[in-house]
PDB file of N, CA and C in Angstrom:
ATOM      1  N   UNK A   1      11.151  68.853  67.491  1.00  0.00           N
ATOM      2  CA  UNK A   1      11.107  67.511  68.058  1.00  0.00           C
ATOM      3  C   UNK A   1      10.894  67.582  69.563  1.00  0.00           C
ATOM      4  N   UNK A   2      10.459  66.496  70.101  1.00  0.00           N
ATOM      5  CA  UNK A   2      10.245  66.378  71.539  1.00  0.00           C
ATOM      6  C   UNK A   2      11.522  65.868  72.168  1.00  0.00           C
ATOM      7  N   UNK A   3      11.990  66.543  73.197  1.00  0.00           N
ATOM      8  CA  UNK A   3      13.197  66.099  73.889  1.00  0.00           C
ATOM      9  C   UNK A   3      13.043  66.364  75.378  1.00  0.00           C
ATOM     10  N   UNK A   4      14.063  66.020  76.123  1.00  0.00           N
ATOM     11  CA  UNK A   4      13.988  66.174  77.572  1.00  0.00           C
ATOM     12  C   UNK A   4      13.816  67.626  77.989  1.00  0.00           C
ATOM     13  N   UNK A   5      14.277  68.567  77.190  1.00  0.00           N
ATOM     14  CA  UNK A   5      14.174  69.977  77.557  1.00  0.00           C
ATOM     15  C   UNK A   5      13.280  70.795  76.620  1.00  0.00           C
ATOM     16  N   UNK A   6      12.563  70.140  75.729  1.00  0.00           N
ATOM     17  CA  UNK A   6      11.670  70.844  74.807  1.00  0.00           C
ATOM     18  C   UNK A   6      10.410  70.007  74.614  1.00  0.00           C
ATOM     19  N   UNK A   7       9.330  70.457  75.211  1.00  0.00           N
ATOM     20  CA  UNK A   7       8.070  69.704  75.178  1.00  0.00           C
ATOM     21  C   UNK A   7       7.007  70.361  74.299  1.00  0.00           C
ATOM     22  N   UNK A   8       7.384  71.370  73.523  1.00  0.00           N
ATOM     23  CA  UNK A   8       6.392  72.109  72.741  1.00  0.00           C
ATOM     24  C   UNK A   8       5.600  71.219  71.788  1.00  0.00           C
ATOM     25  N   UNK A   9       6.257  70.315  71.104  1.00  0.00           N
ATOM     26  CA  UNK A   9       5.538  69.442  70.164  1.00  0.00           C
ATOM     27  C   UNK A   9       4.510  68.595  70.902  1.00  0.00           C
ATOM     28  N   UNK A  10       4.851  68.126  72.090  1.00  0.00           N
ATOM     29  CA  UNK A  10       3.910  67.339  72.886  1.00  0.00           C
ATOM     30  C   UNK A  10       2.711  68.160  73.328  1.00  0.00           C
ATOM     31  N   UNK A  11       2.957  69.395  73.733  1.00  0.00           N
ATOM     32  CA  UNK A  11       1.866  70.290  74.129  1.00  0.00           C
ATOM     33  C   UNK A  11       0.967  70.568  72.930  1.00  0.00           C
ATOM     34  N   UNK A  12       1.565  70.811  71.780  1.00  0.00           N
ATOM     35  CA  UNK A  12       0.780  71.069  70.567  1.00  0.00           C
ATOM     36  C   UNK A  12      -0.122  69.886  70.237  1.00  0.00           C
ATOM     37  N   UNK A  13       0.404  68.666  70.346  1.00  0.00           N
ATOM     38  CA  UNK A  13      -0.389  67.471  70.050  1.00  0.00           C
ATOM     39  C   UNK A  13      -1.530  67.321  71.057  1.00  0.00           C
ATOM     40  N   UNK A  14      -1.251  67.542  72.338  1.00  0.00           N
ATOM     41  CA  UNK A  14      -2.313  67.418  73.348  1.00  0.00           C
ATOM     42  C   UNK A  14      -3.413  68.459  73.157  1.00  0.00           C
ATOM     43  N   UNK A  15      -3.036  69.698  72.885  1.00  0.00           N
ATOM     44  CA  UNK A  15      -4.055  70.731  72.690  1.00  0.00           C
ATOM     45  C   UNK A  15      -4.770  70.567  71.353  1.00  0.00           C
ATOM     46  N   UNK A  16      -4.100  69.994  70.372  1.00  0.00           N
ATOM     47  CA  UNK A  16      -4.776  69.666  69.110  1.00  0.00           C
ATOM     48  C   UNK A  16      -5.854  68.624  69.361  1.00  0.00           C
ATOM     49  N   UNK A  17      -5.608  67.701  70.284  1.00  0.00           N
ATOM     50  CA  UNK A  17      -6.618  66.696  70.640  1.00  0.00           C
ATOM     51  C   UNK A  17      -7.886  67.376  71.147  1.00  0.00           C
ATOM     52  N   UNK A  18      -7.727  68.374  72.008  1.00  0.00           N
ATOM     53  CA  UNK A  18      -8.886  69.101  72.535  1.00  0.00           C
ATOM     54  C   UNK A  18      -9.605  69.811  71.397  1.00  0.00           C
ATOM     55  N   UNK A  19      -8.850  70.457  70.516  1.00  0.00           N
ATOM     56  CA  UNK A  19      -9.451  71.136  69.368  1.00  0.00           C
ATOM     57  C   UNK A  19     -10.223  70.148  68.496  1.00  0.00           C
ATOM     58  N   UNK A  20      -9.626  68.996  68.215  1.00  0.00           N
ATOM     59  CA  UNK A  20     -10.271  67.998  67.359  1.00  0.00           C
ATOM     60  C   UNK A  20     -11.534  67.432  67.994  1.00  0.00           C
ATOM     61  N   UNK A  21     -11.632  67.529  69.318  1.00  0.00           N
ATOM     62  CA  UNK A  21     -12.833  67.070  70.016  1.00  0.00           C
ATOM     63  C   UNK A  21     -14.031  67.974  69.782  1.00  0.00           C
ATOM     64  N   UNK A  22     -13.799  69.172  69.275  1.00  0.00           N
ATOM     65  CA  UNK A  22     -14.883  70.093  68.924  1.00  0.00           C
ATOM     66  C   UNK A  22     -15.112  71.188  69.940  1.00  0.00           C
ATOM     67  N   UNK A  23     -15.760  72.255  69.471  1.00  0.00           N
ATOM     68  CA  UNK A  23     -16.196  73.381  70.294  1.00  0.00           C
ATOM     69  C   UNK A  23     -15.068  74.144  70.968  1.00  0.00           C
ATOM     70  N   UNK A  24     -13.868  74.034  70.485  1.00  0.00           N
ATOM     71  CA  UNK A  24     -12.748  74.785  71.053  1.00  0.00           C
ATOM     72  C   UNK A  24     -11.957  75.440  69.916  1.00  0.00           C
ATOM     73  N   UNK A  25     -12.628  76.242  69.121  1.00  0.00           N
ATOM     74  CA  UNK A  25     -11.994  76.818  67.933  1.00  0.00           C
ATOM     75  C   UNK A  25     -10.772  77.666  68.251  1.00  0.00           C
ATOM     76  N   UNK A  26     -10.706  78.187  69.452  1.00  0.00           N
ATOM     77  CA  UNK A  26      -9.560  79.016  69.819  1.00  0.00           C
ATOM     78  C   UNK A  26      -8.269  78.194  69.911  1.00  0.00           C
ATOM     79  N   UNK A  27      -8.384  76.872  69.868  1.00  0.00           N
ATOM     80  CA  UNK A  27      -7.209  76.002  69.907  1.00  0.00           C
ATOM     81  C   UNK A  27      -6.749  75.566  68.511  1.00  0.00           C
ATOM     82  N   UNK A  28      -7.334  76.135  67.471  1.00  0.00           N
ATOM     83  CA  UNK A  28      -7.001  75.731  66.096  1.00  0.00           C
ATOM     84  C   UNK A  28      -5.517  75.900  65.791  1.00  0.00           C
ATOM     85  N   UNK A  29      -4.885  76.897  66.366  1.00  0.00           N
ATOM     86  CA  UNK A  29      -3.458  77.120  66.106  1.00  0.00           C
ATOM     87  C   UNK A  29      -2.618  75.934  66.569  1.00  0.00           C
ATOM     88  N   UNK A  30      -3.080  75.236  67.603  1.00  0.00           N
ATOM     89  CA  UNK A  30      -2.322  74.074  68.087  1.00  0.00           C
ATOM     90  C   UNK A  30      -2.424  72.905  67.116  1.00  0.00           C
ATOM     91  N   UNK A  31      -3.545  72.777  66.452  1.00  0.00           N
ATOM     92  CA  UNK A  31      -3.674  71.756  65.398  1.00  0.00           C
ATOM     93  C   UNK A  31      -2.709  72.087  64.264  1.00  0.00           C
ATOM     94  N   UNK A  32      -2.643  73.359  63.902  1.00  0.00           N
ATOM     95  CA  UNK A  32      -1.718  73.785  62.847  1.00  0.00           C
ATOM     96  C   UNK A  32      -0.272  73.486  63.234  1.00  0.00           C
ATOM     97  N   UNK A  33       0.081  73.762  64.491  1.00  0.00           N
ATOM     98  CA  UNK A  33       1.457  73.521  64.934  1.00  0.00           C
ATOM     99  C   UNK A  33       1.752  72.033  65.051  1.00  0.00           C
ATOM    100  N   UNK A  34       0.772  71.248  65.485  1.00  0.00           N
ATOM    101  CA  UNK A  34       0.965  69.792  65.528  1.00  0.00           C
ATOM    102  C   UNK A  34       1.153  69.261  64.109  1.00  0.00           C
ATOM    103  N   UNK A  35       0.377  69.780  63.169  1.00  0.00           N
ATOM    104  CA  UNK A  35       0.545  69.394  61.763  1.00  0.00           C
ATOM    105  C   UNK A  35       1.939  69.774  61.263  1.00  0.00           C
ATOM    106  N   UNK A  36       2.409  70.960  61.638  1.00  0.00           N
ATOM    107  CA  UNK A  36       3.753  71.389  61.231  1.00  0.00           C
ATOM    108  C   UNK A  36       4.815  70.437  61.773  1.00  0.00           C
ATOM    109  N   UNK A  37       4.629  70.009  63.023  1.00  0.00           N
ATOM    110  CA  UNK A  37       5.563  69.036  63.600  1.00  0.00           C
ATOM    111  C   UNK A  37       5.577  67.762  62.765  1.00  0.00           C
ATOM    112  N   UNK A  38       4.392  67.254  62.442  1.00  0.00           N
ATOM    113  CA  UNK A  38       4.302  66.021  61.649  1.00  0.00           C
ATOM    114  C   UNK A  38       4.973  66.219  60.299  1.00  0.00           C
ATOM    115  N   UNK A  39       4.683  67.327  59.651  1.00  0.00           N
ATOM    116  CA  UNK A  39       5.270  67.585  58.329  1.00  0.00           C
ATOM    117  C   UNK A  39       6.793  67.596  58.394  1.00  0.00           C
ATOM    118  N   UNK A  40       7.345  68.131  59.475  1.00  0.00           N
ATOM    119  CA  UNK A  40       8.802  68.196  59.596  1.00  0.00           C
ATOM    120  C   UNK A  40       9.416  66.854  59.979  1.00  0.00           C
ATOM    121  N   UNK A  41       8.606  65.934  60.497  1.00  0.00           N
ATOM    122  CA  UNK A  41       9.120  64.643  60.962  1.00  0.00           C
ATOM    123  C   UNK A  41       8.961  63.527  59.935  1.00  0.00           C
ATOM    124  N   UNK A  42       8.210  63.762  58.887  1.00  0.00           N
ATOM    125  CA  UNK A  42       7.914  62.706  57.915  1.00  0.00           C
ATOM    126  C   UNK A  42       8.943  62.681  56.787  1.00  0.00           C
ATOM    127  N   UNK A  43       9.043  61.541  56.087  1.00  0.00           N
ATOM    128  CA  UNK A  43       9.980  61.446  54.963  1.00  0.00           C
ATOM    129  C   UNK A  43       9.731  62.560  53.946  1.00  0.00           C
ATOM    130  N   UNK A  44      10.813  63.047  53.400  1.00  0.00           N
ATOM    131  CA  UNK A  44      10.726  64.154  52.455  1.00  0.00           C
ATOM    132  C   UNK A  44      11.143  65.461  53.088  1.00  0.00           C
ATOM    133  N   UNK A  45      10.934  65.598  54.392  1.00  0.00           N
ATOM    134  CA  UNK A  45      11.337  66.807  55.104  1.00  0.00           C
ATOM    135  C   UNK A  45      12.324  66.499  56.219  1.00  0.00           C
ATOM    136  N   UNK A  46      12.173  65.348  56.851  1.00  0.00           N
ATOM    137  CA  UNK A  46      13.052  64.973  57.958  1.00  0.00           C
ATOM    138  C   UNK A  46      14.357  64.389  57.434  1.00  0.00           C
ATOM    139  N   UNK A  47      15.370  64.510  58.233  1.00  0.00           N
ATOM    140  CA  UNK A  47      16.650  63.895  57.902  1.00  0.00           C
ATOM    141  C   UNK A  47      16.608  62.438  58.340  1.00  0.00           C
ATOM    142  N   UNK A  48      16.818  61.534  57.404  1.00  0.00           N
ATOM    143  CA  UNK A  48      16.745  60.103  57.674  1.00  0.00           C
ATOM    144  C   UNK A  48      18.047  59.426  57.271  1.00  0.00           C
ATOM    145  N   UNK A  49      18.354  58.330  57.956  1.00  0.00           N
ATOM    146  CA  UNK A  49      19.494  57.510  57.547  1.00  0.00           C
ATOM    147  C   UNK A  49      19.117  56.782  56.263  1.00  0.00           C
ATOM    148  N   UNK A  50      20.070  56.167  55.569  1.00  0.00           N
ATOM    149  CA  UNK A  50      19.731  55.395  54.368  1.00  0.00           C
ATOM    150  C   UNK A  50      18.700  54.299  54.639  1.00  0.00           C
ATOM    151  N   UNK A  51      18.651  53.799  55.870  1.00  0.00           N
ATOM    152  CA  UNK A  51      17.672  52.769  56.228  1.00  0.00           C
ATOM    153  C   UNK A  51      16.322  53.328  56.636  1.00  0.00           C
ATOM    154  N   UNK A  52      16.183  54.670  56.693  1.00  0.00           N
ATOM    155  CA  UNK A  52      14.906  55.298  56.995  1.00  0.00           C
ATOM    156  C   UNK A  52      14.698  55.712  58.435  1.00  0.00           C
ATOM    157  N   UNK A  53      15.738  55.653  59.270  1.00  0.00           N
ATOM    158  CA  UNK A  53      15.618  56.044  60.674  1.00  0.00           C
ATOM    159  C   UNK A  53      15.768  57.551  60.801  1.00  0.00           C
ATOM    160  N   UNK A  54      14.876  58.169  61.586  1.00  0.00           N
ATOM    161  CA  UNK A  54      14.961  59.603  61.853  1.00  0.00           C
ATOM    162  C   UNK A  54      16.309  59.886  62.501  1.00  0.00           C
ATOM    163  N   UNK A  55      16.988  60.903  62.000  1.00  0.00           N
ATOM    164  CA  UNK A  55      18.351  61.179  62.435  1.00  0.00           C
ATOM    165  C   UNK A  55      18.499  62.662  62.691  1.00  0.00           C
ATOM    166  N   UNK A  56      19.064  63.009  63.854  1.00  0.00           N
ATOM    167  CA  UNK A  56      19.296  64.408  64.170  1.00  0.00           C
ATOM    168  C   UNK A  56      20.710  64.563  64.713  1.00  0.00           C
ATOM    169  N   UNK A  57      21.611  64.928  63.849  1.00  0.00           N
ATOM    170  CA  UNK A  57      22.998  65.142  64.250  1.00  0.00           C
ATOM    171  C   UNK A  57      23.613  63.913  64.887  1.00  0.00           C
ATOM    172  N   UNK A  58      24.455  64.149  65.860  1.00  0.00           N
ATOM    173  CA  UNK A  58      25.135  63.045  66.550  1.00  0.00           C
ATOM    174  C   UNK A  58      24.367  62.626  67.800  1.00  0.00           C
ATOM    175  N   UNK A  59      23.080  62.875  67.827  1.00  0.00           N
ATOM    176  CA  UNK A  59      22.273  62.562  69.007  1.00  0.00           C
ATOM    177  C   UNK A  59      21.913  61.084  69.056  1.00  0.00           C
ATOM    178  N   UNK A  60      21.450  60.668  70.212  1.00  0.00           N
ATOM    179  CA  UNK A  60      21.038  59.276  70.391  1.00  0.00           C
ATOM    180  C   UNK A  60      19.646  59.050  69.798  1.00  0.00           C
ATOM    181  N   UNK A  61      19.068  57.923  70.061  1.00  0.00           N
ATOM    182  CA  UNK A  61      17.761  57.574  69.483  1.00  0.00           C
ATOM    183  C   UNK A  61      16.576  58.225  70.195  1.00  0.00           C
ATOM    184  N   UNK A  62      16.862  59.095  71.141  1.00  0.00           N
ATOM    185  CA  UNK A  62      15.793  59.789  71.858  1.00  0.00           C
ATOM    186  C   UNK A  62      14.844  60.494  70.895  1.00  0.00           C
ATOM    187  N   UNK A  63      15.379  61.118  69.858  1.00  0.00           N
ATOM    188  CA  UNK A  63      14.540  61.879  68.937  1.00  0.00           C
ATOM    189  C   UNK A  63      13.695  60.966  68.056  1.00  0.00           C
ATOM    190  N   UNK A  64      14.261  59.868  67.622  1.00  0.00           N
ATOM    191  CA  UNK A  64      13.494  58.917  66.809  1.00  0.00           C
ATOM    192  C   UNK A  64      12.353  58.324  67.622  1.00  0.00           C
ATOM    193  N   UNK A  65      12.622  57.946  68.868  1.00  0.00           N
ATOM    194  CA  UNK A  65      11.567  57.341  69.688  1.00  0.00           C
ATOM    195  C   UNK A  65      10.529  58.376  70.107  1.00  0.00           C
ATOM    196  N   UNK A  66      10.964  59.583  70.426  1.00  0.00           N
ATOM    197  CA  UNK A  66      10.013  60.641  70.794  1.00  0.00           C
ATOM    198  C   UNK A  66       9.108  60.995  69.625  1.00  0.00           C
ATOM    199  N   UNK A  67       9.695  61.127  68.443  1.00  0.00           N
ATOM    200  CA  UNK A  67       8.890  61.422  67.259  1.00  0.00           C
ATOM    201  C   UNK A  67       7.911  60.297  66.977  1.00  0.00           C
ATOM    202  N   UNK A  68       8.368  59.054  67.087  1.00  0.00           N
ATOM    203  CA  UNK A  68       7.483  57.913  66.841  1.00  0.00           C
ATOM    204  C   UNK A  68       6.312  57.927  67.818  1.00  0.00           C
ATOM    205  N   UNK A  69       6.593  58.196  69.085  1.00  0.00           N
ATOM    206  CA  UNK A  69       5.530  58.263  70.088  1.00  0.00           C
ATOM    207  C   UNK A  69       4.506  59.338  69.731  1.00  0.00           C
ATOM    208  N   UNK A  70       4.978  60.531  69.404  1.00  0.00           N
ATOM    209  CA  UNK A  70       4.045  61.613  69.071  1.00  0.00           C
ATOM    210  C   UNK A  70       3.270  61.325  67.793  1.00  0.00           C
ATOM    211  N   UNK A  71       3.914  60.732  66.803  1.00  0.00           N
ATOM    212  CA  UNK A  71       3.212  60.407  65.560  1.00  0.00           C
ATOM    213  C   UNK A  71       2.086  59.408  65.807  1.00  0.00           C
ATOM    214  N   UNK A  72       2.353  58.383  66.601  1.00  0.00           N
ATOM    215  CA  UNK A  72       1.313  57.388  66.889  1.00  0.00           C
ATOM    216  C   UNK A  72       0.196  57.998  67.722  1.00  0.00           C
ATOM    217  N   UNK A  73       0.560  58.807  68.709  1.00  0.00           N
ATOM    218  CA  UNK A  73      -0.445  59.460  69.555  1.00  0.00           C
ATOM    219  C   UNK A  73      -1.330  60.380  68.722  1.00  0.00           C
ATOM    220  N   UNK A  74      -0.710  61.222  67.909  1.00  0.00           N
ATOM    221  CA  UNK A  74      -1.467  62.172  67.089  1.00  0.00           C
ATOM    222  C   UNK A  74      -2.310  61.447  66.050  1.00  0.00           C
ATOM    223  N   UNK A  75      -1.796  60.361  65.507  1.00  0.00           N
ATOM    224  CA  UNK A  75      -2.566  59.576  64.532  1.00  0.00           C
ATOM    225  C   UNK A  75      -3.870  59.084  65.146  1.00  0.00           C
ATOM    226  N   UNK A  76      -3.828  58.672  66.397  1.00  0.00           N
ATOM    227  CA  UNK A  76      -5.047  58.236  67.072  1.00  0.00           C
ATOM    228  C   UNK A  76      -6.058  59.361  67.204  1.00  0.00           C
ATOM    229  N   UNK A  77      -5.583  60.536  67.571  1.00  0.00           N
ATOM    230  CA  UNK A  77      -6.475  61.695  67.695  1.00  0.00           C
ATOM    231  C   UNK A  77      -7.067  62.070  66.340  1.00  0.00           C
ATOM    232  N   UNK A  78      -6.225  62.077  65.313  1.00  0.00           N
ATOM    233  CA  UNK A  78      -6.701  62.413  63.967  1.00  0.00           C
ATOM    234  C   UNK A  78      -7.715  61.396  63.467  1.00  0.00           C
ATOM    235  N   UNK A  79      -7.441  60.139  63.709  1.00  0.00           N
ATOM    236  CA  UNK A  79      -8.339  59.079  63.258  1.00  0.00           C
ATOM    237  C   UNK A  79      -9.709  59.210  63.910  1.00  0.00           C
ATOM    238  N   UNK A  80      -9.727  59.475  65.209  1.00  0.00           N
ATOM    239  CA  UNK A  80     -10.999  59.642  65.921  1.00  0.00           C
ATOM    240  C   UNK A  80     -11.807  60.806  65.365  1.00  0.00           C
ATOM    241  N   UNK A  81     -11.110  61.855  64.929  1.00  0.00           N
ATOM    242  CA  UNK A  81     -11.779  63.045  64.397  1.00  0.00           C
ATOM    243  C   UNK A  81     -11.958  62.987  62.881  1.00  0.00           C
ATOM    244  N   UNK A  82     -11.537  61.871  62.269  1.00  0.00           N
ATOM    245  CA  UNK A  82     -11.616  61.721  60.809  1.00  0.00           C
ATOM    246  C   UNK A  82     -10.915  62.880  60.091  1.00  0.00           C
ATOM    247  N   UNK A  83      -9.699  63.157  60.545  1.00  0.00           N
ATOM    248  CA  UNK A  83      -8.890  64.246  59.991  1.00  0.00           C
ATOM    249  C   UNK A  83      -7.578  63.696  59.458  1.00  0.00           C
ATOM    250  N   UNK A  84      -6.860  64.523  58.740  1.00  0.00           N
ATOM    251  CA  UNK A  84      -5.523  64.180  58.269  1.00  0.00           C
ATOM    252  C   UNK A  84      -4.629  65.399  58.461  1.00  0.00           C
ATOM    253  N   UNK A  85      -3.360  65.236  58.126  1.00  0.00           N
ATOM    254  CA  UNK A  85      -2.390  66.326  58.238  1.00  0.00           C
ATOM    255  C   UNK A  85      -2.176  66.913  56.854  1.00  0.00           C
ATOM    256  N   UNK A  86      -2.241  68.233  56.766  1.00  0.00           N
ATOM    257  CA  UNK A  86      -1.981  68.925  55.503  1.00  0.00           C
ATOM    258  C   UNK A  86      -0.659  69.664  55.625  1.00  0.00           C
ATOM    259  N   UNK A  87       0.234  69.353  54.716  1.00  0.00           N
ATOM    260  CA  UNK A  87       1.538  70.009  54.698  1.00  0.00           C
ATOM    261  C   UNK A  87       1.619  70.935  53.494  1.00  0.00           C
ATOM    262  N   UNK A  88       2.525  71.881  53.558  1.00  0.00           N
ATOM    263  CA  UNK A  88       2.748  72.762  52.421  1.00  0.00           C
ATOM    264  C   UNK A  88       3.202  71.968  51.211  1.00  0.00           C
ATOM    265  N   UNK A  89       2.982  72.501  50.050  1.00  0.00           N
ATOM    266  CA  UNK A  89       3.387  71.810  48.833  1.00  0.00           C
ATOM    267  C   UNK A  89       2.405  70.748  48.395  1.00  0.00           C
ATOM    268  N   UNK A  90       1.232  70.715  49.038  1.00  0.00           N
ATOM    269  CA  UNK A  90       0.189  69.790  48.625  1.00  0.00           C
ATOM    270  C   UNK A  90       0.284  68.387  49.189  1.00  0.00           C
ATOM    271  N   UNK A  91       1.275  68.118  50.035  1.00  0.00           N
ATOM    272  CA  UNK A  91       1.345  66.766  50.590  1.00  0.00           C
ATOM    273  C   UNK A  91       0.450  66.651  51.821  1.00  0.00           C
ATOM    274  N   UNK A  92      -0.237  65.535  51.892  1.00  0.00           N
ATOM    275  CA  UNK A  92      -1.124  65.235  53.014  1.00  0.00           C
ATOM    276  C   UNK A  92      -0.736  63.881  53.583  1.00  0.00           C
ATOM    277  N   UNK A  93      -0.966  63.706  54.865  1.00  0.00           N
ATOM    278  CA  UNK A  93      -0.693  62.433  55.514  1.00  0.00           C
ATOM    279  C   UNK A  93      -1.926  61.992  56.284  1.00  0.00           C
ATOM    280  N   UNK A  94      -2.356  60.774  56.011  1.00  0.00           N
ATOM    281  CA  UNK A  94      -3.468  60.172  56.740  1.00  0.00           C
ATOM    282  C   UNK A  94      -2.925  59.530  58.009  1.00  0.00           C
ATOM    283  N   UNK A  95      -3.790  59.335  59.011  1.00  0.00           N
ATOM    284  CA  UNK A  95      -3.326  58.736  60.268  1.00  0.00           C
ATOM    285  C   UNK A  95      -2.572  57.419  60.085  1.00  0.00           C
ATOM    286  N   UNK A  96      -3.039  56.571  59.181  1.00  0.00           N
ATOM    287  CA  UNK A  96      -2.352  55.284  58.993  1.00  0.00           C
ATOM    288  C   UNK A  96      -0.936  55.468  58.449  1.00  0.00           C
ATOM    289  N   UNK A  97      -0.695  56.542  57.699  1.00  0.00           N
ATOM    290  CA  UNK A  97       0.655  56.808  57.198  1.00  0.00           C
ATOM    291  C   UNK A  97       1.588  57.224  58.333  1.00  0.00           C
ATOM    292  N   UNK A  98       1.051  57.957  59.301  1.00  0.00           N
ATOM    293  CA  UNK A  98       1.855  58.336  60.465  1.00  0.00           C
ATOM    294  C   UNK A  98       2.247  57.096  61.254  1.00  0.00           C
ATOM    295  N   UNK A  99       1.290  56.206  61.435  1.00  0.00           N
ATOM    296  CA  UNK A  99       1.550  54.978  62.190  1.00  0.00           C
ATOM    297  C   UNK A  99       2.576  54.106  61.466  1.00  0.00           C
ATOM    298  N   UNK A 100       2.432  53.972  60.166  1.00  0.00           N
ATOM    299  CA  UNK A 100       3.374  53.159  59.389  1.00  0.00           C
ATOM    300  C   UNK A 100       4.796  53.691  59.523  1.00  0.00           C
ATOM    301  N   UNK A 101       4.956  55.008  59.387  1.00  0.00           N
ATOM    302  CA  UNK A 101       6.292  55.590  59.514  1.00  0.00           C
ATOM    303  C   UNK A 101       6.828  55.428  60.933  1.00  0.00           C
ATOM    304  N   UNK A 102       5.983  55.664  61.931  1.00  0.00           N
ATOM    305  CA  UNK A 102       6.415  55.535  63.328  1.00  0.00           C
ATOM    306  C   UNK A 102       6.866  54.112  63.634  1.00  0.00           C
ATOM    307  N   UNK A 103       6.165  53.134  63.127  1.00  0.00           N
ATOM    308  CA  UNK A 103       6.547  51.735  63.369  1.00  0.00           C
ATOM    309  C   UNK A 103       7.905  51.412  62.759  1.00  0.00           C
ATOM    310  N   UNK A 104       8.228  52.068  61.660  1.00  0.00           N
ATOM    311  CA  UNK A 104       9.539  51.829  61.037  1.00  0.00           C
ATOM    312  C   UNK A 104      10.674  52.408  61.875  1.00  0.00           C
ATOM    313  N   UNK A 105      10.342  53.281  62.822  1.00  0.00           N
ATOM    314  CA  UNK A 105      11.363  53.869  63.688  1.00  0.00           C
ATOM    315  C   UNK A 105      11.729  52.962  64.859  1.00  0.00           C
ATOM    316  N   UNK A 106      10.908  51.984  65.112  1.00  0.00           N
ATOM    317  CA  UNK A 106      11.126  51.121  66.286  1.00  0.00           C
ATOM    318  C   UNK A 106      11.972  49.923  65.914  1.00  0.00           C
TER     319      UNK A 106
END
C-alpha cells in the first residue's frame, strides 16, 4: 500500500504508465508490480470491513484513500492503453472495475 513512508506502489504505477505508453520494454516489471498492487488491493485478496471498506489493522483511513487514489490513477493509464490487470488464479480486472471499487472507498 501507499503510505507516508512507503511510496513503492506509487512509483510502480507511474513507471507502468511509461511502459504502457510504448517503446520502453525494460519497464515491464513495473507494470507487473503495479498489477500485483492492484491484485492485493481488490476484493478477494484485500482485507475489507463488512461494508467493503479497505481495512489495514488499527490504522486510519490513509490506506483506503491512498489505495483508491492509485486505483483510479492506474485505471486511467490502463484504459488509455486498452489494457487490464491480470492476477494469479485467473482473475482479471478491467479499468472500470478498479474505478468502481475505488469509488466505494470514498
